[in-house]
Amino acid sequence: MELLNGFKNPFRSEHKRWVFLVGLVAISHLLFQSFLLPYGNALRSLLLPGIDGSIEGNYGNVVSRVRSGSKSVVVHNTLTINGSDFSTRDVILFNGGNGGNGGGDVGISSRKIGDWVEKGVSKVIFDGNVDDDYASENAEDLNENAVLEEVIRDQDNYVNATSRIEQVAKHGREVSTGELRDVNTTSQYPALSSMANPTPNAGSSFQSTSLQSDHTVSKSNSLMVVKQGKKKMRCEMPPKTVTTIDEMNRILLRHRRSSRAMRPRRSSIRDKEIFAAKSRIENGPVITNDQDLYAPVFRNVSLFKRSYELMERILKVYVYKDGKKPIFHLPILKGLYASEGWFMKLMQGNKHFVVKDPRRAHLFYMPFSSRMLEYTLYVRNSHNRTNLRQFLKDYTETISAKYPYFNRTDGADHFLVACHDWAPYETRHHMEHCIKALCNADVTAGFKIGRDVSLPETYVRSARNPLRDLGGKPASQRHILAFYAGSMHGYLRPILLKHWKDKDADMRILGPMPPGVASKMNYIQHMKSTKYCICPKGYEVNSPRVVESIFYECVPVIISDNFVPPFFEVLDWGAFSIILAEKDIPNLKDILTSIPQERYLALQLGVRKVQRHFLWHAKPERYDLFHMTLHSIWYNRVYQIKLR
């Protein structure tokens, strides 16, 4: 018996050892896996304080990891934000520089951010060059010292926050700190952007869930290299179907006669006021000679004027306060996506249309920035945007649960203004019935003619003076027949250059212009001296060159199948532009030279007259771009509304 017990005890002891060993291996494996996952950053930062993880919570991807071992950083996107949202005491400048071939995002460690928060810092300014889908923007070559001086002079109004956007995937490496010309972190300019607010909004589930660990950037993702695949992306191929401008006109008329909008669950007093406005618009007097408006550029100047005046008298808008910066309530006032920023700034500051009591509102504005959404949450080179769409889905569910208004109409009286290319995807399904003012107005990507609004994409060079360099030479001094210069984005621009680059002296069709202020001014002078400015699509159907042509009084030649021109519901684009099918590129010169001089002069006059409707003003003026955008939203709602 004793001998038997002697055999059992060692067995039990050995069994315990094996269980302990297996458990230890399992725990080690789990810990190792957590280090590899994107949401393992938080754990790594706790266990390994020498390595800074990605900023979580409301930081999102606004500030990214700094690798302490090699002193390398990742460079982020260009932003210009409203300086009034910050204190003007402290500024810190990060110069993006031109030294490296890398790019991405200027990285700031979470520890450094925490130090700045404790010190009460107020601003972070990223300074450098821009590389985006735009010729004149590619040409920007800002001097770092000059930019710093300008920022200090202009602290009372705006902050220039520019950084070089050169995709990390393009070069497959990080940008070392030695390649950044100057990182001025002296005590004279300590700062922290309010877009990196560490205080979560406990009352908003979409804030706490969507901006935390699920959206942080792992090291492997931030350095992912894009490899050329066999399958082409949608933007690299011609569309499978083409909707001509004549077909768009027929769709608009059909939707005006019979709205597809759903009936509200219950009609409100505000619904009835808008419904009554439709009858007043259609049955008003005919305007024969109006001093304020140039009739030829409108589809029906009488309808437009009556609708506009009723908007001024009736319309009230409620702006949701929900949502935190940087995605909400933080307007970008400079660059390619300035349209959504300027509208946000002017709408939120408007006292005539905006009401504090949502029960008085006819329309509800959801003030988010599609540019900041991409900047904050998108994982570089991941090719996955589902988290961006999920974030907006969470937002709509939040306001639907908190207020009764969205559910009453399923969002039909709600609107958004978004200029980023991805906005149609991000707002699909959960915002499907809302009125969408979009720069990417592509009928094959879900844009609804008669409900949605084609938002002009405006490239603003100066936030303080958006009208800088406005105007151009008179028609008699425009000796260049056609001009284009820009990056080779998408499938269409290479076709344009293949047929016309260096082929004809009258056709100034160029590729990307070299960087530098002189090159930028050369680009502007070309547009000011050209009869027809060619506006081919890039990756998407929209292009800032359309509005830029009008800005410089050059007749725009739009070459972009399925593109709905801005303010399509009220403007007659045939009165001040040429719209061509993509297949007509080989015949471009023949088409332009066949236009009689009298017709060209009428088009150029139309450009000068319609120009006022495409301009931003710090203090909005009647019929300017702010009011035209708001009017088209109002106008489409008037013709979509149904009563129960």
Foldseek 3Di string as FASTA:
>chain_A
DVVVVVVVVVVVVVVVVVVVVVVVVVVVVVLVVLLVDLLSQVVCCVVPVVFFQADFFLQFVVAGGQGVPQQFFAQFAFFKWKLVVWDLQAEWEFEQADQDLAHGHGHDGPVNLVVLVVVVAIYYAYHAAEDDFWQLSQQAGDDPVVLVVVQNVPSVTIGGRGHYHDQRQVVLDTGHPVRGPDGDCDPRHRHDYCSSPNDHDPLAPLSRPLRGSVQTEDPCLSRDHDDDDPDDDPLQDDDPDFQDPVNLVVLQVVCLVPFPFDAFPADDPLLVLLLVLVVCLVPDDADDDDPQADQQFWPGVSSLVSLLVVCQVQAAEEEDPDDDPDFFPIAGCAFFWNLLRLLSVCVVPDDRRYDHDCSRHQAYEHGGEPVVLCSRGPRRPPPDCVSLLVSVLSVLVSCVVVDVPCNRRVQQRYEYEYEDLCVLVSCPPSNLNHAYAYCQQFVVSNRRRLRHFNAQGAHAHDSVCSLPPFEADDPVQQQAAEADETAQAGNQLVVLCVQDPVPDPSYHYYYRFHHDPVRSVVVLNNLRRYQEYEAEDGSGQGDNVCLVSLRHLHAYEREGGRHQDGLNVITDSQQAHHYDYSVCSNVVVVVSVPQDPVSSNRNSVVSPSLNQQDTRDPNDDPNHVSSSVVSSNSVSSSSNHDHD
